[in-house]
Amino acid sequence: MLQYIATNSSRYSIAEQCQMVIEGGCKWVEIYLPDESDNEVRNAAMDVIEVCRETDTFLLIHDHVDVVEELRVSGVRLSSVKDAAGVRDRLGANAIIGVEVSTFEEIESLRTADIDFVTVSKKTPAELKEIADKVKAADLGIAVVALGGVTLENVEEVLATGVNGIAVGSAILQAADPMLRTSQFLEKIIPVKE
């Protein structure tokens, strides 16, 4: 799974970023505007909701649970384990809920929170493998997504750790052709069957 994290950029608007990665084949985008108001996040989301619906692309919003609930987008990624309590009740059974974590212990603490995935930031492949192995052994039913530092050059090594997916922002955004870079990531994630 490839998640694209759209954030403020001097090159492209949130809508332009989402459009390019969706055209490149990505089916999962997240709006990451941690320092913006609910109103600004709502406006950014309104610019991409239609293209996400037309292309069956998941649209998540980082932390702004009120906006997620109001706009009925696909889900939310929370920046803290402590924020996870009660989110499933607010957003409903079909919402996708993710949480940023640093350790396996944090993931384990989410066992009863009905979380779909966690993002694990800036870990070495060895650390990612240890976390992914522990999550599988504990049968938590939570997908592990690597975030931070994933590039086209190291994506295969990251995926070999046993994580379920990757979340990428600047490695796509800063490419000369973000749409092409998205498709290049997907080719490495989902090898073409002959």
N, C-alpha and C. Protein backbone atom coordinates (compact mmCIF):
# COMPACT_ATOMS: atom_id res chain seq x y z
N MET A 1 0.84 -1.18 0.00
CA MET A 1 0.00 0.00 0.00
C MET A 1 0.88 1.24 0.00
N LEU A 2 0.53 2.19 -0.83
CA LEU A 2 1.21 3.47 -0.89
C LEU A 2 0.26 4.55 -0.41
N GLN A 3 0.68 5.25 0.65
CA GLN A 3 -0.08 6.40 1.13
C GLN A 3 0.70 7.65 0.73
N TYR A 4 0.02 8.64 0.18
CA TYR A 4 0.68 9.91 -0.12
C TYR A 4 0.24 10.94 0.90
N ILE A 5 1.22 11.63 1.50
CA ILE A 5 0.95 12.66 2.49
C ILE A 5 1.07 14.02 1.82
N ALA A 6 -0.07 14.69 1.62
CA ALA A 6 -0.11 16.01 0.98
C ALA A 6 -0.01 17.09 2.05
N THR A 7 0.94 18.00 1.87
CA THR A 7 1.12 19.07 2.84
C THR A 7 1.41 20.38 2.10
N ASN A 8 1.47 21.48 2.83
CA ASN A 8 1.72 22.77 2.19
C ASN A 8 3.04 22.76 1.44
N SER A 9 3.00 23.33 0.25
CA SER A 9 4.18 23.35 -0.62
C SER A 9 4.16 24.62 -1.43
N SER A 10 5.34 25.14 -1.75
CA SER A 10 5.41 26.32 -2.61
C SER A 10 5.24 25.94 -4.08
N ARG A 11 5.37 24.64 -4.39
CA ARG A 11 5.26 24.18 -5.78
C ARG A 11 3.84 23.88 -6.21
N TYR A 12 3.11 23.16 -5.36
CA TYR A 12 1.78 22.67 -5.73
C TYR A 12 0.80 22.82 -4.58
N SER A 13 -0.44 23.10 -4.91
CA SER A 13 -1.49 23.13 -3.90
C SER A 13 -1.79 21.69 -3.45
N ILE A 14 -2.53 21.57 -2.37
CA ILE A 14 -2.96 20.24 -1.90
C ILE A 14 -3.74 19.54 -3.01
N ALA A 15 -4.63 20.27 -3.67
CA ALA A 15 -5.44 19.66 -4.73
C ALA A 15 -4.57 19.20 -5.89
N GLU A 16 -3.59 20.00 -6.27
CA GLU A 16 -2.70 19.62 -7.37
C GLU A 16 -1.88 18.38 -7.01
N GLN A 17 -1.39 18.34 -5.79
CA GLN A 17 -0.63 17.17 -5.34
C GLN A 17 -1.48 15.91 -5.42
N CYS A 18 -2.68 15.99 -4.88
CA CYS A 18 -3.56 14.82 -4.87
C CYS A 18 -3.91 14.38 -6.29
N GLN A 19 -4.19 15.34 -7.15
CA GLN A 19 -4.52 15.03 -8.54
C GLN A 19 -3.36 14.28 -9.21
N MET A 20 -2.14 14.77 -9.02
CA MET A 20 -0.98 14.14 -9.66
C MET A 20 -0.75 12.71 -9.18
N VAL A 21 -0.82 12.51 -7.84
CA VAL A 21 -0.54 11.15 -7.35
C VAL A 21 -1.66 10.18 -7.69
N ILE A 22 -2.89 10.68 -7.73
CA ILE A 22 -4.01 9.83 -8.14
C ILE A 22 -3.84 9.44 -9.61
N GLU A 23 -3.46 10.40 -10.44
CA GLU A 23 -3.20 10.08 -11.85
C GLU A 23 -2.03 9.11 -12.00
N GLY A 24 -1.11 9.14 -11.04
CA GLY A 24 0.01 8.21 -11.05
C GLY A 24 -0.35 6.83 -10.52
N GLY A 25 -1.59 6.68 -10.01
CA GLY A 25 -2.07 5.37 -9.57
C GLY A 25 -2.26 5.20 -8.08
N CYS A 26 -1.93 6.22 -7.30
CA CYS A 26 -2.08 6.12 -5.84
C CYS A 26 -3.56 6.14 -5.48
N LYS A 27 -3.95 5.29 -4.54
CA LYS A 27 -5.36 5.19 -4.13
C LYS A 27 -5.58 5.59 -2.67
N TRP A 28 -4.58 6.30 -2.11
CA TRP A 28 -4.68 6.66 -0.69
C TRP A 28 -3.94 7.97 -0.49
N VAL A 29 -4.67 9.04 -0.20
CA VAL A 29 -4.05 10.33 0.07
C VAL A 29 -4.48 10.83 1.45
N GLU A 30 -3.57 11.56 2.06
CA GLU A 30 -3.86 12.15 3.37
C GLU A 30 -3.51 13.62 3.33
N ILE A 31 -4.39 14.44 3.85
CA ILE A 31 -4.12 15.87 3.98
C ILE A 31 -3.48 16.09 5.35
N TYR A 32 -2.24 16.59 5.31
CA TYR A 32 -1.46 16.80 6.53
C TYR A 32 -1.19 18.29 6.68
N LEU A 33 -2.03 18.95 7.46
CA LEU A 33 -1.90 20.39 7.72
C LEU A 33 -2.00 20.62 9.23
N PRO A 34 -0.98 20.17 9.97
CA PRO A 34 -1.08 20.18 11.44
C PRO A 34 -1.21 21.56 12.06
N ASP A 35 -0.73 22.60 11.38
CA ASP A 35 -0.76 23.93 11.97
C ASP A 35 -1.90 24.80 11.46
N GLU A 36 -2.78 24.20 10.66
CA GLU A 36 -3.88 24.97 10.08
C GLU A 36 -5.17 24.79 10.89
N SER A 37 -6.08 25.74 10.74
CA SER A 37 -7.36 25.68 11.43
C SER A 37 -8.27 24.65 10.77
N ASP A 38 -9.32 24.28 11.50
CA ASP A 38 -10.32 23.38 10.92
C ASP A 38 -10.86 23.93 9.60
N ASN A 39 -11.08 25.23 9.55
CA ASN A 39 -11.64 25.84 8.35
C ASN A 39 -10.69 25.70 7.16
N GLU A 40 -9.41 25.92 7.39
CA GLU A 40 -8.43 25.78 6.30
C GLU A 40 -8.31 24.33 5.84
N VAL A 41 -8.36 23.42 6.80
CA VAL A 41 -8.29 21.99 6.46
C VAL A 41 -9.55 21.58 5.69
N ARG A 42 -10.70 22.08 6.15
CA ARG A 42 -11.97 21.79 5.45
C ARG A 42 -11.91 22.26 4.01
N ASN A 43 -11.40 23.47 3.78
CA ASN A 43 -11.31 24.01 2.42
C ASN A 43 -10.38 23.16 1.55
N ALA A 44 -9.26 22.74 2.10
CA ALA A 44 -8.33 21.89 1.34
C ALA A 44 -8.99 20.56 0.99
N ALA A 45 -9.72 20.00 1.94
CA ALA A 45 -10.39 18.72 1.70
C ALA A 45 -11.49 18.87 0.65
N MET A 46 -12.23 19.97 0.70
CA MET A 46 -13.32 20.18 -0.27
C MET A 46 -12.78 20.22 -1.70
N ASP A 47 -11.52 20.66 -1.84
CA ASP A 47 -10.92 20.73 -3.17
C ASP A 47 -10.56 19.36 -3.75
N VAL A 48 -10.51 18.33 -2.89
CA VAL A 48 -10.08 17.01 -3.39
C VAL A 48 -11.11 15.90 -3.18
N ILE A 49 -12.16 16.18 -2.45
CA ILE A 49 -13.16 15.14 -2.16
C ILE A 49 -13.73 14.53 -3.45
N GLU A 50 -14.08 15.36 -4.40
CA GLU A 50 -14.74 14.85 -5.61
C GLU A 50 -13.82 13.94 -6.40
N VAL A 51 -12.57 14.35 -6.61
CA VAL A 51 -11.66 13.50 -7.39
C VAL A 51 -11.38 12.18 -6.65
N CYS A 52 -11.35 12.24 -5.33
CA CYS A 52 -11.16 11.00 -4.56
C CYS A 52 -12.36 10.08 -4.71
N ARG A 53 -13.55 10.63 -4.66
CA ARG A 53 -14.76 9.80 -4.82
C ARG A 53 -14.84 9.22 -6.23
N GLU A 54 -14.53 10.04 -7.23
CA GLU A 54 -14.61 9.58 -8.63
C GLU A 54 -13.62 8.46 -8.93
N THR A 55 -12.49 8.45 -8.21
CA THR A 55 -11.43 7.48 -8.49
C THR A 55 -11.33 6.39 -7.42
N ASP A 56 -12.30 6.34 -6.50
CA ASP A 56 -12.27 5.37 -5.40
C ASP A 56 -10.96 5.44 -4.62
N THR A 57 -10.53 6.66 -4.35
CA THR A 57 -9.30 6.88 -3.59
C THR A 57 -9.67 7.22 -2.15
N PHE A 58 -8.99 6.58 -1.21
CA PHE A 58 -9.20 6.90 0.20
C PHE A 58 -8.66 8.30 0.47
N LEU A 59 -9.44 9.10 1.19
CA LEU A 59 -9.00 10.43 1.62
C LEU A 59 -9.04 10.48 3.13
N LEU A 60 -7.85 10.66 3.73
CA LEU A 60 -7.75 10.81 5.17
C LEU A 60 -7.28 12.21 5.49
N ILE A 61 -7.59 12.63 6.69
CA ILE A 61 -7.15 13.93 7.17
C ILE A 61 -6.40 13.69 8.47
N HIS A 62 -5.28 14.38 8.62
CA HIS A 62 -4.47 14.22 9.82
C HIS A 62 -5.07 15.03 10.97
N ASP A 63 -5.43 14.32 12.05
CA ASP A 63 -5.84 14.90 13.35
C ASP A 63 -7.16 15.66 13.42
N HIS A 64 -7.62 16.28 12.39
CA HIS A 64 -8.82 17.13 12.48
C HIS A 64 -10.08 16.26 12.45
N VAL A 65 -10.36 15.60 13.56
CA VAL A 65 -11.45 14.64 13.64
C VAL A 65 -12.80 15.30 13.36
N ASP A 66 -12.98 16.54 13.82
CA ASP A 66 -14.25 17.23 13.58
C ASP A 66 -14.51 17.39 12.08
N VAL A 67 -13.46 17.72 11.32
CA VAL A 67 -13.61 17.90 9.88
C VAL A 67 -13.88 16.56 9.21
N VAL A 68 -13.19 15.53 9.65
CA VAL A 68 -13.42 14.18 9.11
C VAL A 68 -14.87 13.77 9.32
N GLU A 69 -15.36 14.01 10.54
CA GLU A 69 -16.74 13.64 10.87
C GLU A 69 -17.73 14.46 10.04
N GLU A 70 -17.48 15.74 9.89
CA GLU A 70 -18.39 16.62 9.15
C GLU A 70 -18.43 16.27 7.66
N LEU A 71 -17.27 16.06 7.05
CA LEU A 71 -17.20 15.83 5.60
C LEU A 71 -17.38 14.37 5.20
N ARG A 72 -17.34 13.49 6.19
CA ARG A 72 -17.52 12.05 5.93
C ARG A 72 -16.49 11.53 4.93
N VAL A 73 -15.23 11.99 5.07
CA VAL A 73 -14.16 11.44 4.24
C VAL A 73 -13.80 10.06 4.79
N SER A 74 -12.84 9.39 4.14
CA SER A 74 -12.56 7.99 4.47
C SER A 74 -12.08 7.77 5.89
N GLY A 75 -11.33 8.74 6.44
CA GLY A 75 -10.85 8.51 7.79
C GLY A 75 -9.85 9.54 8.27
N VAL A 76 -9.11 9.14 9.30
CA VAL A 76 -8.22 10.05 10.01
C VAL A 76 -6.94 9.32 10.40
N ARG A 77 -5.84 10.08 10.47
CA ARG A 77 -4.62 9.56 11.11
C ARG A 77 -4.32 10.49 12.28
N LEU A 78 -4.25 9.90 13.45
CA LEU A 78 -4.06 10.66 14.68
C LEU A 78 -2.58 10.73 15.04
N SER A 79 -2.16 11.85 15.61
CA SER A 79 -0.74 12.03 15.92
C SER A 79 -0.35 11.45 17.27
N SER A 80 -1.32 10.98 18.03
CA SER A 80 -1.00 10.47 19.36
C SER A 80 -1.90 9.30 19.74
N VAL A 81 -1.31 8.33 20.42
CA VAL A 81 -2.06 7.17 20.91
C VAL A 81 -3.17 7.61 21.84
N LYS A 82 -2.90 8.63 22.64
CA LYS A 82 -3.90 9.09 23.63
C LYS A 82 -5.15 9.67 22.97
N ASP A 83 -5.05 10.05 21.70
CA ASP A 83 -6.20 10.61 21.00
C ASP A 83 -7.13 9.54 20.41
N ALA A 84 -6.72 8.26 20.49
CA ALA A 84 -7.46 7.19 19.80
C ALA A 84 -8.77 6.79 20.49
N ALA A 85 -8.84 7.00 21.78
CA ALA A 85 -10.03 6.57 22.52
C ALA A 85 -11.28 7.30 22.01
N GLY A 86 -12.30 6.53 21.68
CA GLY A 86 -13.58 7.10 21.30
C GLY A 86 -13.70 7.54 19.85
N VAL A 87 -12.61 7.52 19.08
CA VAL A 87 -12.68 7.98 17.69
C VAL A 87 -13.54 7.05 16.84
N ARG A 88 -13.44 5.75 17.07
CA ARG A 88 -14.26 4.80 16.30
C ARG A 88 -15.75 5.08 16.52
N ASP A 89 -16.12 5.36 17.77
CA ASP A 89 -17.52 5.66 18.06
C ASP A 89 -17.98 6.91 17.31
N ARG A 90 -17.11 7.90 17.22
CA ARG A 90 -17.48 9.15 16.53
C ARG A 90 -17.59 8.97 15.02
N LEU A 91 -16.64 8.22 14.43
CA LEU A 91 -16.56 8.17 12.97
C LEU A 91 -17.28 6.98 12.35
N GLY A 92 -17.60 5.98 13.15
CA GLY A 92 -18.36 4.85 12.63
C GLY A 92 -17.50 3.67 12.20
N ALA A 93 -18.17 2.57 11.94
CA ALA A 93 -17.50 1.30 11.66
C ALA A 93 -16.71 1.32 10.36
N ASN A 94 -17.12 2.12 9.38
CA ASN A 94 -16.46 2.11 8.07
C ASN A 94 -15.29 3.06 7.96
N ALA A 95 -15.08 3.91 8.94
CA ALA A 95 -13.97 4.86 8.88
C ALA A 95 -12.63 4.14 8.99
N ILE A 96 -11.63 4.67 8.31
CA ILE A 96 -10.26 4.17 8.45
C ILE A 96 -9.59 5.03 9.50
N ILE A 97 -9.03 4.36 10.52
CA ILE A 97 -8.39 5.10 11.61
C ILE A 97 -6.96 4.63 11.77
N GLY A 98 -6.05 5.59 11.71
CA GLY A 98 -4.64 5.32 11.91
C GLY A 98 -4.09 6.15 13.04
N VAL A 99 -2.96 5.71 13.58
CA VAL A 99 -2.33 6.41 14.69
C VAL A 99 -0.82 6.39 14.48
N GLU A 100 -0.17 7.52 14.74
CA GLU A 100 1.29 7.57 14.71
C GLU A 100 1.84 6.95 15.99
N VAL A 101 2.84 6.09 15.85
CA VAL A 101 3.46 5.44 17.01
C VAL A 101 4.97 5.42 16.84
N SER A 102 5.65 5.14 17.95
CA SER A 102 7.11 5.01 17.91
C SER A 102 7.58 3.63 18.33
N THR A 103 6.74 2.92 19.10
CA THR A 103 7.18 1.64 19.67
C THR A 103 6.10 0.57 19.51
N PHE A 104 6.51 -0.68 19.65
CA PHE A 104 5.54 -1.77 19.65
C PHE A 104 4.59 -1.65 20.83
N GLU A 105 5.10 -1.20 21.97
CA GLU A 105 4.25 -1.07 23.16
C GLU A 105 3.09 -0.11 22.91
N GLU A 106 3.35 0.95 22.16
CA GLU A 106 2.25 1.87 21.81
C GLU A 106 1.23 1.17 20.92
N ILE A 107 1.71 0.37 19.99
CA ILE A 107 0.78 -0.36 19.12
C ILE A 107 -0.05 -1.32 19.95
N GLU A 108 0.60 -2.03 20.85
CA GLU A 108 -0.11 -3.00 21.69
C GLU A 108 -1.16 -2.31 22.55
N SER A 109 -0.89 -1.07 22.97
CA SER A 109 -1.85 -0.33 23.81
C SER A 109 -3.13 0.01 23.03
N LEU A 110 -3.06 -0.11 21.70
CA LEU A 110 -4.22 0.21 20.86
C LEU A 110 -5.10 -1.01 20.60
N ARG A 111 -4.78 -2.13 21.21
CA ARG A 111 -5.47 -3.40 20.94
C ARG A 111 -6.99 -3.26 21.02
N THR A 112 -7.50 -2.50 21.97
CA THR A 112 -8.95 -2.38 22.15
C THR A 112 -9.54 -1.12 21.51
N ALA A 113 -8.72 -0.34 20.81
CA ALA A 113 -9.19 0.94 20.27
C ALA A 113 -9.79 0.81 18.87
N ASP A 114 -9.76 -0.39 18.28
CA ASP A 114 -10.32 -0.62 16.94
C ASP A 114 -9.66 0.30 15.91
N ILE A 115 -8.34 0.17 15.84
CA ILE A 115 -7.52 0.96 14.91
C ILE A 115 -7.20 0.09 13.70
N ASP A 116 -7.15 0.70 12.52
CA ASP A 116 -6.85 -0.04 11.29
C ASP A 116 -5.37 -0.11 10.96
N PHE A 117 -4.65 1.00 11.22
CA PHE A 117 -3.22 1.00 10.90
C PHE A 117 -2.47 1.94 11.81
N VAL A 118 -1.16 1.74 11.86
CA VAL A 118 -0.27 2.65 12.56
C VAL A 118 0.82 3.09 11.59
N THR A 119 1.29 4.31 11.76
CA THR A 119 2.47 4.74 11.03
C THR A 119 3.63 4.77 12.01
N VAL A 120 4.73 4.17 11.59
CA VAL A 120 5.95 4.12 12.40
C VAL A 120 6.98 4.99 11.70
N SER A 121 7.42 6.05 12.38
CA SER A 121 8.26 7.05 11.72
C SER A 121 9.74 6.83 11.93
N LYS A 122 10.48 7.04 10.85
CA LYS A 122 11.93 7.18 10.86
C LYS A 122 12.64 6.09 11.64
N LYS A 123 12.36 4.86 11.28
CA LYS A 123 13.04 3.71 11.89
C LYS A 123 13.96 3.07 10.85
N THR A 124 15.01 2.42 11.34
CA THR A 124 15.88 1.67 10.44
C THR A 124 15.14 0.41 9.98
N PRO A 125 15.58 -0.21 8.89
CA PRO A 125 14.93 -1.46 8.47
C PRO A 125 14.92 -2.52 9.57
N ALA A 126 15.99 -2.61 10.34
CA ALA A 126 16.03 -3.60 11.43
C ALA A 126 14.96 -3.29 12.48
N GLU A 127 14.79 -2.02 12.82
CA GLU A 127 13.78 -1.62 13.80
C GLU A 127 12.37 -1.87 13.25
N LEU A 128 12.17 -1.55 11.97
CA LEU A 128 10.87 -1.80 11.35
C LEU A 128 10.53 -3.28 11.36
N LYS A 129 11.52 -4.12 11.04
CA LYS A 129 11.30 -5.57 11.01
C LYS A 129 10.91 -6.08 12.39
N GLU A 130 11.60 -5.60 13.41
CA GLU A 130 11.29 -6.04 14.78
C GLU A 130 9.86 -5.67 15.16
N ILE A 131 9.45 -4.45 14.83
CA ILE A 131 8.08 -4.01 15.15
C ILE A 131 7.06 -4.81 14.35
N ALA A 132 7.29 -4.96 13.04
CA ALA A 132 6.34 -5.70 12.18
C ALA A 132 6.22 -7.15 12.65
N ASP A 133 7.34 -7.77 13.01
CA ASP A 133 7.31 -9.16 13.50
C ASP A 133 6.51 -9.28 14.79
N LYS A 134 6.70 -8.33 15.69
CA LYS A 134 5.97 -8.36 16.97
C LYS A 134 4.47 -8.16 16.78
N VAL A 135 4.10 -7.26 15.86
CA VAL A 135 2.68 -7.02 15.59
C VAL A 135 2.04 -8.29 15.03
N LYS A 136 2.73 -8.97 14.11
CA LYS A 136 2.20 -10.21 13.55
C LYS A 136 2.10 -11.30 14.61
N ALA A 137 3.14 -11.43 15.43
CA ALA A 137 3.15 -12.46 16.47
C ALA A 137 2.04 -12.23 17.49
N ALA A 138 1.75 -10.98 17.77
CA ALA A 138 0.70 -10.65 18.75
C ALA A 138 -0.69 -10.72 18.14
N ASP A 139 -0.78 -10.92 16.83
CA ASP A 139 -2.06 -11.04 16.12
C ASP A 139 -2.98 -9.86 16.44
N LEU A 140 -2.44 -8.65 16.28
CA LEU A 140 -3.20 -7.45 16.63
C LEU A 140 -4.17 -7.03 15.53
N GLY A 141 -3.96 -7.49 14.30
CA GLY A 141 -4.86 -7.10 13.22
C GLY A 141 -4.74 -5.64 12.85
N ILE A 142 -3.56 -5.06 13.07
CA ILE A 142 -3.30 -3.66 12.76
C ILE A 142 -2.20 -3.62 11.70
N ALA A 143 -2.44 -2.90 10.60
CA ALA A 143 -1.43 -2.77 9.56
C ALA A 143 -0.33 -1.81 10.01
N VAL A 144 0.90 -2.10 9.63
CA VAL A 144 2.05 -1.26 9.98
C VAL A 144 2.53 -0.57 8.71
N VAL A 145 2.60 0.76 8.77
CA VAL A 145 3.01 1.57 7.62
C VAL A 145 4.27 2.35 7.99
N ALA A 146 5.32 2.21 7.17
CA ALA A 146 6.57 2.94 7.40
C ALA A 146 6.42 4.36 6.86
N LEU A 147 6.87 5.33 7.66
CA LEU A 147 6.75 6.75 7.30
C LEU A 147 8.08 7.43 7.57
N GLY A 148 8.52 8.24 6.62
CA GLY A 148 9.72 9.03 6.83
C GLY A 148 10.96 8.35 6.29
N GLY A 149 11.62 9.02 5.39
CA GLY A 149 12.87 8.51 4.87
C GLY A 149 12.74 7.43 3.81
N VAL A 150 11.51 7.15 3.37
CA VAL A 150 11.33 6.12 2.33
C VAL A 150 11.53 6.79 0.97
N THR A 151 12.44 6.22 0.19
CA THR A 151 12.75 6.74 -1.13
C THR A 151 12.59 5.64 -2.17
N LEU A 152 12.64 6.03 -3.43
CA LEU A 152 12.57 5.04 -4.50
C LEU A 152 13.73 4.05 -4.40
N GLU A 153 14.85 4.53 -3.91
CA GLU A 153 16.04 3.69 -3.82
C GLU A 153 15.97 2.67 -2.69
N ASN A 154 15.27 2.99 -1.60
CA ASN A 154 15.25 2.05 -0.46
C ASN A 154 13.89 1.41 -0.21
N VAL A 155 12.90 1.67 -1.06
CA VAL A 155 11.55 1.18 -0.79
C VAL A 155 11.48 -0.35 -0.71
N GLU A 156 12.24 -1.03 -1.55
CA GLU A 156 12.19 -2.50 -1.52
C GLU A 156 12.76 -3.03 -0.22
N GLU A 157 13.82 -2.40 0.27
CA GLU A 157 14.41 -2.80 1.56
C GLU A 157 13.41 -2.56 2.70
N VAL A 158 12.71 -1.44 2.64
CA VAL A 158 11.72 -1.13 3.67
C VAL A 158 10.58 -2.15 3.63
N LEU A 159 10.08 -2.46 2.45
CA LEU A 159 8.98 -3.43 2.33
C LEU A 159 9.40 -4.83 2.76
N ALA A 160 10.67 -5.15 2.59
CA ALA A 160 11.18 -6.48 2.98
C ALA A 160 11.15 -6.69 4.49
N THR A 161 10.94 -5.62 5.25
CA THR A 161 10.88 -5.75 6.71
C THR A 161 9.57 -6.37 7.18
N GLY A 162 8.59 -6.45 6.28
CA GLY A 162 7.30 -7.03 6.66
C GLY A 162 6.23 -6.00 6.96
N VAL A 163 6.54 -4.71 6.75
CA VAL A 163 5.50 -3.70 6.93
C VAL A 163 4.44 -3.88 5.84
N ASN A 164 3.25 -3.37 6.10
CA ASN A 164 2.15 -3.53 5.16
C ASN A 164 2.10 -2.45 4.10
N GLY A 165 2.83 -1.36 4.31
CA GLY A 165 2.80 -0.28 3.34
C GLY A 165 3.78 0.80 3.71
N ILE A 166 3.80 1.83 2.86
CA ILE A 166 4.66 2.99 3.09
C ILE A 166 3.86 4.26 2.92
N ALA A 167 4.27 5.29 3.65
CA ALA A 167 3.67 6.62 3.51
C ALA A 167 4.78 7.55 3.04
N VAL A 168 4.51 8.28 1.97
CA VAL A 168 5.53 9.10 1.33
C VAL A 168 4.99 10.51 1.10
N GLY A 169 5.84 11.49 1.30
CA GLY A 169 5.49 12.87 1.00
C GLY A 169 6.52 13.47 0.08
N SER A 170 7.63 13.95 0.66
CA SER A 170 8.63 14.70 -0.11
C SER A 170 9.29 13.87 -1.20
N ALA A 171 9.41 12.56 -1.04
CA ALA A 171 10.04 11.74 -2.07
C ALA A 171 9.25 11.78 -3.38
N ILE A 172 7.96 12.08 -3.29
CA ILE A 172 7.14 12.27 -4.49
C ILE A 172 7.03 13.75 -4.83
N LEU A 173 6.74 14.56 -3.83
CA LEU A 173 6.51 15.99 -4.05
C LEU A 173 7.71 16.69 -4.68
N GLN A 174 8.92 16.30 -4.27
CA GLN A 174 10.11 16.99 -4.75
C GLN A 174 10.65 16.42 -6.06
N ALA A 175 10.02 15.37 -6.58
CA ALA A 175 10.45 14.80 -7.86
C ALA A 175 10.13 15.77 -9.00
N ALA A 176 10.90 15.67 -10.08
CA ALA A 176 10.65 16.52 -11.24
C ALA A 176 9.25 16.27 -11.79
N ASP A 177 8.79 15.03 -11.73
CA ASP A 177 7.46 14.66 -12.21
C ASP A 177 6.78 13.81 -11.14
N PRO A 178 6.02 14.43 -10.23
CA PRO A 178 5.40 13.68 -9.14
C PRO A 178 4.49 12.54 -9.61
N MET A 179 3.79 12.73 -10.73
CA MET A 179 2.93 11.66 -11.22
C MET A 179 3.76 10.44 -11.62
N LEU A 180 4.84 10.67 -12.35
CA LEU A 180 5.73 9.58 -12.75
C LEU A 180 6.37 8.93 -11.52
N ARG A 181 6.80 9.74 -10.56
CA ARG A 181 7.43 9.18 -9.35
C ARG A 181 6.44 8.29 -8.59
N THR A 182 5.18 8.70 -8.55
CA THR A 182 4.16 7.87 -7.90
C THR A 182 4.07 6.51 -8.58
N SER A 183 4.00 6.51 -9.89
CA SER A 183 3.90 5.23 -10.61
C SER A 183 5.16 4.40 -10.43
N GLN A 184 6.32 5.04 -10.29
CA GLN A 184 7.57 4.31 -10.04
C GLN A 184 7.54 3.63 -8.67
N PHE A 185 7.02 4.33 -7.67
CA PHE A 185 6.86 3.72 -6.35
C PHE A 185 5.94 2.50 -6.44
N LEU A 186 4.81 2.68 -7.12
CA LEU A 186 3.83 1.59 -7.21
C LEU A 186 4.40 0.38 -7.93
N GLU A 187 5.24 0.61 -8.93
CA GLU A 187 5.87 -0.52 -9.63
C GLU A 187 6.74 -1.34 -8.68
N LYS A 188 7.37 -0.68 -7.72
CA LYS A 188 8.22 -1.40 -6.77
C LYS A 188 7.38 -2.07 -5.67
N ILE A 189 6.23 -1.47 -5.37
CA ILE A 189 5.37 -2.02 -4.32
C ILE A 189 4.55 -3.18 -4.87
N ILE A 190 4.03 -3.02 -6.08
CA ILE A 190 3.18 -4.04 -6.70
C ILE A 190 3.85 -4.48 -7.99
N PRO A 191 4.74 -5.47 -7.92
CA PRO A 191 5.44 -5.90 -9.13
C PRO A 191 4.45 -6.32 -10.22
N VAL A 192 4.78 -5.96 -11.44
CA VAL A 192 3.92 -6.31 -12.58
C VAL A 192 4.00 -7.80 -12.83
N LYS A 193 2.84 -8.45 -12.91
CA LYS A 193 2.81 -9.90 -13.18
C LYS A 193 2.88 -10.13 -14.68
N GLU A 194 3.74 -11.06 -15.07
CA GLU A 194 3.89 -11.35 -16.52
C GLU A 194 2.99 -12.48 -16.93
